[in-house]
């Protein structure tokens, strides 16, 4: 059995629970927002994420997060919280290696007041290894987005589960 599937399920359930708690603490959203509009905004941000990955631009990645945003790392068993720790981490990652191609695709989206829970698939291609073949990483991700006062959406919580 693939051990990452139960972990992904636990993370998604935790993400939904965290969204419910956060929603209970947040003021009601002003104005109706359609799921299609939210999805379009999130997909634009996902393209920004993919471009930042390819450019190795840690700051552009961190700019997609709220000030108190979190990154949950399943492989490292770590949770990073806040823009400073996220920026330090992503700079280290990008200094070592970043993908030459990146794709981020939404599979499902659920709205919860000023929060949206997104689940999707990602695919990264890296420079060829010693054998001359590009290395690929594919996986799933879960993101909780939070609506900003200007109506935009930023990442409040992000986690990825690599398949390979």
Protein backbone atom coordinates (compact mmCIF):
# COMPACT_ATOMS: atom_id res chain seq x y z
CA UNK A 1 0.00 0.00 0.00
CA UNK A 2 1.23 3.47 -0.82
CA UNK A 3 2.06 5.07 2.55
CA UNK A 4 1.55 8.60 1.24
CA UNK A 5 -2.19 8.09 0.63
CA UNK A 6 -3.13 7.78 4.32
CA UNK A 7 -0.87 10.74 5.08
CA UNK A 8 -2.54 12.83 2.36
CA UNK A 9 -5.95 11.92 3.75
CA UNK A 10 -4.89 12.91 7.27
CA UNK A 11 -3.47 16.20 5.99
CA UNK A 12 -6.60 17.01 3.99
CA UNK A 13 -8.82 16.23 6.99
CA UNK A 14 -6.57 18.39 9.17
CA UNK A 15 -6.71 21.16 6.57
CA UNK A 16 -10.51 21.06 6.50
CA UNK A 17 -10.68 21.06 10.31
CA UNK A 18 -8.26 24.00 10.45
CA UNK A 19 -10.38 25.81 7.88
CA UNK A 20 -13.51 25.29 9.96
CA UNK A 21 -11.78 26.60 13.08
CA UNK A 22 -10.34 29.58 11.22
CA UNK A 23 -13.71 30.30 9.61
CA UNK A 24 -15.37 30.33 13.01
CA UNK A 25 -12.84 32.95 14.13
CA UNK A 26 -13.06 35.06 10.97
CA UNK A 27 -15.67 37.70 10.21
CA UNK A 28 -18.22 36.77 7.56
CA UNK A 29 -17.14 37.61 4.03
CA UNK A 30 -18.58 40.69 2.42
CA UNK A 31 -20.32 40.07 -0.87
CA UNK A 32 -20.99 36.84 -2.62
CA UNK A 33 -18.09 35.14 -4.31
CA UNK A 34 -18.72 32.43 -6.85
CA UNK A 35 -16.69 29.27 -6.84
CA UNK A 36 -15.73 29.91 -10.48
CA UNK A 37 -14.26 33.33 -9.63
CA UNK A 38 -12.32 31.94 -6.69
CA UNK A 39 -11.03 29.05 -8.77
CA UNK A 40 -9.90 31.44 -11.52
CA UNK A 41 -8.01 33.59 -8.99
CA UNK A 42 -6.38 30.52 -7.43
CA UNK A 43 -5.39 29.15 -10.83
CA UNK A 44 -3.66 32.47 -11.60
CA UNK A 45 -1.76 32.14 -8.32
CA UNK A 46 -0.89 28.53 -9.18
CA UNK A 47 0.65 29.77 -12.44
CA UNK A 48 2.65 32.32 -10.45
CA UNK A 49 3.84 29.46 -8.21
CA UNK A 50 4.90 27.38 -11.22
CA UNK A 51 6.75 30.33 -12.83
CA UNK A 52 8.50 31.14 -9.54
CA UNK A 53 9.59 27.51 -9.19
CA UNK A 54 11.13 27.51 -12.69
CA UNK A 55 12.86 30.85 -12.09
CA UNK A 56 14.08 29.75 -8.66
CA UNK A 57 12.42 32.86 -7.20
CA UNK A 58 11.93 32.19 -3.47
CA UNK A 59 10.49 35.65 -2.81
CA UNK A 60 7.79 35.22 -5.48
CA UNK A 61 6.75 31.94 -3.84
CA UNK A 62 6.60 33.47 -0.37
CA UNK A 63 4.63 36.46 -1.71
CA UNK A 64 1.80 34.01 -2.40
CA UNK A 65 1.48 33.28 1.36
CA UNK A 66 -0.32 35.22 4.07
CA UNK A 67 1.91 36.77 6.75
CA UNK A 68 1.09 33.84 9.05
CA UNK A 69 1.13 31.25 6.24
CA UNK A 70 2.35 27.72 6.82
CA UNK A 71 4.15 25.05 4.81
CA UNK A 72 3.76 21.46 6.00
CA UNK A 73 6.56 19.17 4.83
CA UNK A 74 5.56 15.53 4.89
CA UNK A 75 9.01 14.20 3.97
CA UNK A 76 10.80 16.29 6.58
CA UNK A 77 8.15 16.18 9.28
CA UNK A 78 8.34 19.96 9.65
CA UNK A 79 5.92 22.85 9.75
CA UNK A 80 7.21 26.28 8.81
CA UNK A 81 5.12 29.27 9.81
CA UNK A 82 5.49 32.90 8.84
CA UNK A 83 7.04 34.67 5.89
CA UNK A 84 10.56 34.90 7.38
CA UNK A 85 10.92 31.16 7.96
CA UNK A 86 9.31 30.41 4.60
CA UNK A 87 11.68 32.77 2.80
CA UNK A 88 14.73 31.25 4.51
CA UNK A 89 13.58 27.76 3.57
CA UNK A 90 12.70 28.52 -0.05
CA UNK A 91 15.97 30.40 -0.60
CA UNK A 92 17.88 27.31 0.58
CA UNK A 93 15.82 25.03 -1.67
CA UNK A 94 16.22 27.27 -4.71
CA UNK A 95 19.94 27.70 -4.11
CA UNK A 96 20.43 23.93 -4.35
CA UNK A 97 18.06 23.15 -7.21
CA UNK A 98 14.81 24.21 -8.78
CA UNK A 99 12.72 22.70 -11.55
CA UNK A 100 13.16 23.52 -15.23
CA UNK A 101 9.46 22.84 -15.79
CA UNK A 102 6.57 23.06 -13.33
CA UNK A 103 2.85 22.36 -13.53
CA UNK A 104 0.23 22.90 -10.82
CA UNK A 105 -3.36 21.85 -11.54
CA UNK A 106 -6.45 22.18 -9.35
CA UNK A 107 -8.51 18.99 -9.04
CA UNK A 108 -11.13 20.16 -6.53
CA UNK A 109 -11.99 23.31 -4.63
CA UNK A 110 -14.36 23.91 -1.71
CA UNK A 111 -15.34 27.32 -0.33
CA UNK A 112 -15.70 28.04 3.39
CA UNK A 113 -16.48 31.74 3.87
CA UNK A 114 -13.17 33.60 3.55
CA UNK A 115 -11.28 30.32 3.09
CA UNK A 116 -10.99 27.93 0.17
CA UNK A 117 -9.60 24.41 0.33
CA UNK A 118 -7.88 23.28 -2.86
CA UNK A 119 -6.60 19.82 -3.73
CA UNK A 120 -4.57 19.26 -6.87
CA UNK A 121 -1.67 17.66 -8.68
CA UNK A 122 1.79 19.01 -9.35
CA UNK A 123 4.60 17.94 -11.63
CA UNK A 124 8.20 19.21 -11.64
CA UNK A 125 11.00 18.37 -14.08
CA UNK A 126 14.61 18.91 -13.01
CA UNK A 127 17.89 19.05 -14.94
CA UNK A 128 19.20 15.69 -16.15
CA UNK A 129 21.10 13.53 -13.67
CA UNK A 130 24.43 11.86 -14.47
CA UNK A 131 22.56 9.36 -16.68
CA UNK A 132 21.33 12.20 -18.87
CA UNK A 133 17.65 11.71 -18.05
CA UNK A 134 15.63 14.54 -16.50
CA UNK A 135 14.42 13.81 -12.97
CA UNK A 136 10.69 14.17 -12.46
CA UNK A 137 8.68 14.65 -9.30
CA UNK A 138 4.92 14.26 -9.33
CA UNK A 139 2.51 14.46 -6.47
CA UNK A 140 -0.59 15.86 -4.89
CA UNK A 141 -1.08 18.92 -2.78
CA UNK A 142 -3.61 20.48 -0.45
CA UNK A 143 -3.80 24.23 0.09
CA UNK A 144 -5.99 26.39 2.28
CA UNK A 145 -6.35 29.83 0.72
CA UNK A 146 -7.53 32.88 2.67
CA UNK A 147 -9.35 35.81 1.09
CA UNK A 148 -7.53 39.10 1.63
CA UNK A 149 -9.11 42.46 2.41
CA UNK A 150 -8.51 43.51 -1.21
CA UNK A 151 -10.47 40.46 -2.45
CA UNK A 152 -7.36 38.53 -3.55
CA UNK A 153 -6.41 35.08 -2.28
CA UNK A 154 -3.22 34.01 -0.50
CA UNK A 155 -1.97 30.69 0.81
CA UNK A 156 -2.62 30.17 4.50
CA UNK A 157 -1.50 26.51 4.55
CA UNK A 158 0.24 24.43 1.90
CA UNK A 159 1.42 20.83 1.78
CA UNK A 160 2.58 18.52 -0.97
CA UNK A 161 2.78 14.75 -1.07
CA UNK A 162 5.27 13.44 -3.65
CA UNK A 163 4.34 10.23 -5.44
CA UNK A 164 7.93 9.30 -6.20
